Amino acid sequence: MANRRIEEQLEALGRLRGVSSAEAAPALRKALADRVNLVAAKAANIAAELPAPELIPDLLRAFDRLFEDPVKRDPQCWGKNAIARALKELGHRESPAFLRGAVHIQLEPVWGRHEDTAGPLRGICLLALPACPDLAREQVLRHMVNALTEPSPTVRADAARALAEMQGDDCALLLRLKARAGDAEPAVTGQVLESLLALERRTALPFVRQFLAAADQVAEEAALALGGCRESGAVDVLLESWPQAHGLEYRQALLRALSISRHERAIEFLKQLAAEGRPQDAADARAALALFPEKHAE
C-alpha cells in the first residue's frame, strides 16, 4: 500500500512539468518535505527543470534533513544527489551545502559488506564549488587535489571536469601532474586529458600525444580525448599515429576519435579507408563513420 502511495505521489509530481513555477511551488514544497527520499528527489528534479529558483530555501532545508540518519532517510543518496544538482542548476552560489556534500561518505550494507554510495554526490558538489564566490580559489583547489586522489573513480573524473571549468595555469598543471601519475581507471586519465585539452587547446597536444605510444587502454582514452577537442592539430596527431598503430582495439579507438572530430580531413581519411583498406580496417572505418551518419553523408 505504501509503495502505491509513493507511485501516486511521483505521478502527481510528474504532471507538474510544463506548468508555471508559481503554480507548481506549493506541491513541490510539500514534496520536498516528504519523508520519502524518492519523492523529495523527484520534486528537486522538477524544480530544476521548470526552473523554480524561489524553491532554493526549501531545497536547502530538505538537503539538511537528508543528512540526518542518512542511510535510513536517503539510501543511495538519491534525494541529496537530486537536490545538490538542482541547487547548482538553479544558480545557488553559496558554498556551505556543496562543501558538506563534497566530503560526505555514506556507508551502506551491500551483499554482506559496506559500500560508499555518496560518490556521485561528492562529484556533483565538487562541480558546483568553482562558481561559489564565497570561497577563495586556493580553497577550491585544495578540495580538487583531495578529490583527484580519492577512492571513487567518478569523483576523480568530476574533479578533473571541475578543474577545466576553473581555468588557469594552476589547474592545467594539476591536470598534467595527475595524468603523469596515472590512475587505476583508464577512463579517469581520459577525462584528465580531455580537461587539459579544454584548458590548453593546441598547447596540450604534444603532451597528450605521448599517451598514444603505449597503444593500451590509456592510449585509447587519449585518442578519444584528442578527437573530442575538435582541434585541427589533434586530427594531425591522430592521422600521423595511424600508420604505426598496433592492436585492434587501439586502432578502432583511433578511427572513432577521427569520426568524433568531425573534421573534413578525418572524414575523407575514413571514407578512403572504408573503400580501400584491409577488410578489418575497412569495416572499422565504416563503423566509425556510422557514429555520425548525418555528417558523413554530406
Protein backbone atom coordinates (compact mmCIF):
# COMPACT_ATOMS: atom_id res chain seq x y z
CA MET A 1 0.00 0.00 0.00
CA ALA A 2 2.84 2.37 0.90
CA ASN A 3 4.54 1.71 -2.45
CA ARG A 4 1.31 2.53 -4.27
CA ARG A 5 1.07 5.84 -2.41
CA ILE A 6 4.63 6.70 -3.40
CA GLU A 7 3.91 5.85 -7.03
CA GLU A 8 0.86 8.11 -6.96
CA GLN A 9 2.92 10.95 -5.47
CA LEU A 10 5.57 10.57 -8.15
CA GLU A 11 2.95 10.53 -10.91
CA ALA A 12 1.30 13.66 -9.49
CA LEU A 13 4.65 15.42 -9.39
CA GLY A 14 5.35 14.41 -12.97
CA ARG A 15 2.21 16.23 -14.05
CA LEU A 16 3.71 19.50 -12.78
CA ARG A 17 6.12 19.58 -15.71
CA GLY A 18 5.11 22.33 -18.08
CA VAL A 19 3.12 24.41 -15.58
CA SER A 20 4.44 27.68 -14.21
CA SER A 21 6.74 27.62 -11.21
CA ALA A 22 4.19 29.67 -9.27
CA GLU A 23 1.53 27.00 -9.83
CA ALA A 24 3.87 24.14 -9.03
CA ALA A 25 5.56 25.65 -5.98
CA PRO A 26 3.05 24.61 -3.26
CA ALA A 27 3.08 20.95 -4.32
CA LEU A 28 6.85 20.93 -4.73
CA ARG A 29 7.38 22.45 -1.29
CA LYS A 30 5.22 19.75 0.23
CA ALA A 31 7.08 17.03 -1.68
CA LEU A 32 10.49 18.36 -0.65
CA ALA A 33 9.41 17.97 2.97
CA ASP A 34 8.24 14.39 2.40
CA ARG A 35 9.92 11.65 4.45
CA VAL A 36 10.40 9.50 1.30
CA ASN A 37 13.67 10.37 -0.41
CA LEU A 38 12.38 9.43 -3.88
CA VAL A 39 9.55 11.96 -3.57
CA ALA A 40 11.96 14.70 -2.50
CA ALA A 41 14.30 13.75 -5.35
CA LYS A 42 11.50 13.98 -7.93
CA ALA A 43 10.45 17.36 -6.58
CA ALA A 44 14.04 18.62 -6.80
CA ASN A 45 14.37 17.44 -10.40
CA ILE A 46 11.17 19.22 -11.41
CA ALA A 47 12.17 22.40 -9.55
CA ALA A 48 15.36 22.47 -11.62
CA GLU A 49 13.50 21.77 -14.88
CA LEU A 50 10.82 24.48 -14.51
CA PRO A 51 13.02 26.35 -13.30
CA ALA A 52 11.86 27.43 -9.81
CA PRO A 53 14.67 29.33 -8.04
CA GLU A 54 12.20 30.51 -5.39
CA LEU A 55 12.36 26.96 -4.00
CA ILE A 56 16.08 27.19 -3.12
CA PRO A 57 15.34 27.70 0.63
CA ASP A 58 13.11 24.61 0.59
CA LEU A 59 15.77 22.62 -1.25
CA LEU A 60 18.37 23.61 1.33
CA ARG A 61 16.11 22.55 4.21
CA ALA A 62 15.43 19.21 2.54
CA PHE A 63 19.15 18.74 1.88
CA ASP A 64 19.98 19.28 5.56
CA ARG A 65 17.24 16.90 6.67
CA LEU A 66 18.55 14.09 4.48
CA PHE A 67 21.91 14.19 6.25
CA GLU A 68 20.18 13.18 9.50
CA ASP A 69 20.41 9.38 9.79
CA PRO A 70 21.27 9.42 6.06
CA VAL A 71 21.33 5.67 5.40
CA LYS A 72 17.76 5.35 6.66
CA ARG A 73 16.38 8.64 5.33
CA ASP A 74 18.18 8.73 1.99
CA PRO A 75 19.50 5.35 0.85
CA GLN A 76 21.77 5.56 -2.22
CA CYS A 77 21.80 9.37 -1.73
CA TRP A 78 19.05 9.73 -4.32
CA GLY A 79 17.48 12.71 -2.58
CA LYS A 80 20.73 14.50 -1.82
CA ASN A 81 22.01 13.92 -5.37
CA ALA A 82 18.90 15.45 -6.94
CA ILE A 83 18.83 18.38 -4.55
CA ALA A 84 22.52 19.21 -4.98
CA ARG A 85 22.11 19.09 -8.75
CA ALA A 86 19.01 21.29 -8.58
CA LEU A 87 20.76 23.84 -6.38
CA LYS A 88 23.62 24.05 -8.87
CA GLU A 89 21.31 24.35 -11.89
CA LEU A 90 19.11 26.95 -10.18
CA GLY A 91 22.13 29.19 -9.60
CA HIS A 92 22.70 28.71 -5.87
CA ARG A 93 26.21 30.04 -5.27
CA GLU A 94 26.68 29.81 -1.51
CA SER A 95 29.19 27.12 -0.64
CA PRO A 96 28.12 25.51 2.70
CA ALA A 97 25.70 22.96 1.24
CA PHE A 98 28.13 22.00 -1.52
CA LEU A 99 31.06 21.76 0.90
CA ARG A 100 29.03 19.42 3.06
CA GLY A 101 28.15 17.21 0.13
CA ALA A 102 31.69 17.27 -1.28
CA VAL A 103 33.08 15.38 1.72
CA HIS A 104 30.09 13.18 2.62
CA ILE A 105 30.69 9.44 2.88
CA GLN A 106 27.67 7.17 3.22
CA LEU A 107 28.45 3.55 4.01
CA GLU A 108 25.54 1.23 3.26
CA PRO A 109 25.24 -2.56 3.59
CA VAL A 110 25.70 -4.28 0.22
CA TRP A 111 26.00 -8.08 -0.06
CA GLY A 112 27.46 -8.63 3.37
CA ARG A 113 29.79 -5.64 3.35
CA HIS A 114 29.55 -1.85 3.41
CA GLU A 115 29.90 0.33 0.35
CA ASP A 116 30.14 4.10 0.00
CA THR A 117 27.14 5.32 -2.01
CA ALA A 118 27.94 9.05 -1.85
CA GLY A 119 30.47 9.23 -4.69
CA PRO A 120 28.02 10.83 -7.17
CA LEU A 121 27.00 13.38 -4.52
CA ARG A 122 30.61 14.38 -3.90
CA GLY A 123 31.13 14.79 -7.63
CA ILE A 124 28.03 16.97 -8.10
CA CYS A 125 29.08 19.21 -5.22
CA LEU A 126 32.69 19.48 -6.40
CA LEU A 127 31.47 20.69 -9.78
CA ALA A 128 29.46 23.40 -8.02
CA LEU A 129 32.33 24.78 -5.92
CA PRO A 130 34.18 26.77 -8.63
CA ALA A 131 31.16 29.05 -9.07
CA CYS A 132 30.87 29.89 -5.35
CA PRO A 133 32.21 33.44 -4.80
CA ASP A 134 32.45 32.96 -1.02
CA LEU A 135 35.34 30.51 -1.50
CA ALA A 136 38.89 31.60 -2.28
CA ARG A 137 40.41 29.92 -5.31
CA GLU A 138 43.05 28.19 -3.22
CA GLN A 139 40.33 26.67 -1.03
CA VAL A 140 38.61 25.20 -4.06
CA LEU A 141 41.91 23.88 -5.38
CA ARG A 142 42.57 22.09 -2.09
CA HIS A 143 39.27 20.27 -2.46
CA MET A 144 40.15 19.35 -6.04
CA VAL A 145 43.55 17.95 -5.02
CA ASN A 146 41.86 15.76 -2.42
CA ALA A 147 39.24 14.65 -4.93
CA LEU A 148 41.82 13.73 -7.58
CA THR A 149 43.21 11.12 -5.20
CA GLU A 150 40.06 9.81 -3.52
CA PRO A 151 38.82 6.19 -3.84
CA SER A 152 35.83 6.83 -6.13
CA PRO A 153 36.80 7.00 -9.82
CA THR A 154 33.69 9.02 -10.65
CA VAL A 155 34.76 11.67 -8.15
CA ARG A 156 38.30 11.75 -9.54
CA ALA A 157 36.85 12.31 -13.00
CA ASP A 158 34.47 15.01 -11.75
CA ALA A 159 37.41 16.79 -10.10
CA ALA A 160 39.13 16.88 -13.49
CA ARG A 161 35.98 18.34 -15.05
CA ALA A 162 35.80 20.98 -12.33
CA LEU A 163 39.44 21.97 -12.90
CA ALA A 164 38.67 22.55 -16.56
CA GLU A 165 35.81 24.85 -15.57
CA MET A 166 38.08 26.82 -13.21
CA GLN A 167 40.56 27.67 -15.98
CA GLY A 168 44.10 28.90 -15.29
CA ASP A 169 47.65 27.58 -15.39
CA ASP A 170 47.40 26.22 -11.86
CA CYS A 171 44.55 23.91 -12.91
CA ALA A 172 46.40 22.87 -16.06
CA LEU A 173 49.47 21.96 -14.03
CA LEU A 174 47.38 19.88 -11.62
CA LEU A 175 45.87 18.02 -14.57
CA ARG A 176 49.29 17.39 -16.08
CA LEU A 177 50.53 16.03 -12.76
CA LYS A 178 47.51 13.75 -12.40
CA ALA A 179 47.96 12.47 -15.96
CA ARG A 180 51.64 11.72 -15.32
CA ALA A 181 50.86 9.99 -12.01
CA GLY A 182 48.30 7.81 -13.76
CA ASP A 183 45.10 6.26 -12.48
CA ALA A 184 43.87 2.73 -11.91
CA GLU A 185 40.91 3.55 -14.19
CA PRO A 186 41.91 4.47 -17.77
CA ALA A 187 38.65 6.42 -18.15
CA VAL A 188 39.76 8.79 -15.39
CA THR A 189 43.01 9.51 -17.21
CA GLY A 190 40.93 10.04 -20.33
CA GLN A 191 38.86 12.68 -18.55
CA VAL A 192 42.02 14.32 -17.20
CA LEU A 193 43.43 14.59 -20.72
CA GLU A 194 40.09 15.83 -22.07
CA SER A 195 40.01 18.54 -19.40
CA LEU A 196 43.61 19.51 -20.12
CA LEU A 197 42.83 19.86 -23.83
CA ALA A 198 39.81 22.01 -22.97
CA LEU A 199 42.09 24.29 -20.95
CA GLU A 200 45.22 24.47 -23.08
CA ARG A 201 43.91 23.62 -26.55
CA ARG A 202 46.85 23.33 -29.01
CA THR A 203 49.43 23.77 -26.27
CA ALA A 204 48.39 20.43 -24.75
CA LEU A 205 48.69 18.41 -27.98
CA PRO A 206 52.36 17.34 -27.60
CA PHE A 207 51.72 16.30 -24.01
CA VAL A 208 48.62 14.24 -24.84
CA ARG A 209 50.32 12.72 -27.88
CA GLN A 210 52.79 10.95 -25.59
CA PHE A 211 49.97 8.86 -24.15
CA LEU A 212 49.32 7.27 -27.55
CA ALA A 213 52.64 5.44 -27.58
CA ALA A 214 51.63 2.51 -25.37
CA ALA A 215 48.67 1.54 -27.58
CA ASP A 216 46.83 0.41 -24.43
CA GLN A 217 43.54 1.44 -22.80
CA VAL A 218 45.03 4.76 -21.71
CA ALA A 219 46.11 5.35 -25.31
CA GLU A 220 42.55 4.64 -26.45
CA GLU A 221 41.27 7.22 -23.96
CA ALA A 222 43.90 9.73 -25.11
CA ALA A 223 42.86 9.23 -28.73
CA LEU A 224 39.20 9.84 -27.88
CA ALA A 225 40.13 12.97 -25.92
CA LEU A 226 42.03 14.26 -28.97
CA GLY A 227 39.07 13.57 -31.22
CA GLY A 228 36.68 15.29 -28.87
CA CYS A 229 38.68 18.50 -28.57
CA ARG A 230 37.90 19.42 -32.22
CA GLU A 231 41.34 20.95 -32.82
CA SER A 232 42.68 20.55 -36.35
CA GLY A 233 46.09 19.88 -34.83
CA ALA A 234 44.58 16.96 -32.91
CA VAL A 235 43.42 15.46 -36.20
CA ASP A 236 47.01 15.72 -37.45
CA VAL A 237 48.20 13.80 -34.37
CA LEU A 238 45.61 11.07 -34.92
CA LEU A 239 46.34 10.71 -38.64
CA GLU A 240 50.09 10.63 -38.05
CA SER A 241 49.61 7.92 -35.41
CA TRP A 242 47.63 5.59 -37.69
CA PRO A 243 50.48 4.01 -39.73
CA GLN A 244 52.29 2.88 -36.56
CA ALA A 245 49.15 1.87 -34.65
CA HIS A 246 49.07 -1.71 -33.34
CA GLY A 247 46.34 -3.65 -31.62
CA LEU A 248 42.77 -4.00 -32.86
CA GLU A 249 41.08 -2.08 -30.04
CA TYR A 250 43.55 0.80 -30.22
CA ARG A 251 43.19 1.08 -33.99
CA GLN A 252 39.40 1.08 -33.61
CA ALA A 253 39.69 3.84 -30.99
CA LEU A 254 41.79 5.96 -33.38
CA LEU A 255 39.13 5.62 -36.06
CA ARG A 256 36.33 6.51 -33.63
CA ALA A 257 38.35 9.53 -32.50
CA LEU A 258 38.72 10.70 -36.10
CA SER A 259 34.98 10.37 -36.57
CA ILE A 260 34.25 12.25 -33.34
CA SER A 261 36.42 15.14 -34.53
CA ARG A 262 34.02 15.69 -37.49
CA HIS A 263 36.93 17.33 -39.27
CA GLU A 264 36.81 17.22 -43.07
CA ARG A 265 40.27 15.64 -43.42
CA ALA A 266 39.39 12.98 -40.86
CA ILE A 267 36.15 12.11 -42.65
CA GLU A 268 37.89 11.87 -46.01
CA PHE A 269 40.50 9.54 -44.50
CA LEU A 270 37.79 7.31 -43.03
CA LYS A 271 35.89 7.18 -46.32
CA GLN A 272 39.04 6.24 -48.22
CA LEU A 273 39.91 3.57 -45.66
CA ALA A 274 36.37 2.20 -45.80
CA ALA A 275 36.67 1.87 -49.58
CA GLU A 276 40.28 0.74 -49.98
CA GLY A 277 41.58 -0.52 -46.62
CA ARG A 278 42.17 -4.04 -45.44
CA PRO A 279 38.93 -5.85 -44.61
CA GLN A 280 39.14 -5.29 -40.85
CA ASP A 281 40.20 -1.65 -41.20
CA ALA A 282 37.51 -1.02 -43.81
CA ALA A 283 34.83 -2.48 -41.56
CA ASP A 284 36.06 -0.44 -38.59
CA ALA A 285 36.16 2.74 -40.69
CA ARG A 286 32.55 2.15 -41.76
CA ALA A 287 31.58 1.63 -38.13
CA ALA A 288 33.30 4.89 -37.20
CA LEU A 289 31.54 6.76 -39.99
CA ALA A 290 28.21 5.37 -38.78
CA LEU A 291 28.63 7.24 -35.47
CA PHE A 292 27.52 10.45 -37.20
CA PRO A 293 25.75 9.38 -40.41
CA GLU A 294 24.11 12.78 -40.94
CA LYS A 295 27.54 14.46 -41.01
CA HIS A 296 29.33 11.87 -43.07
CA ALA A 297 26.67 11.75 -45.76
CA GLU A 298 27.50 15.29 -46.78
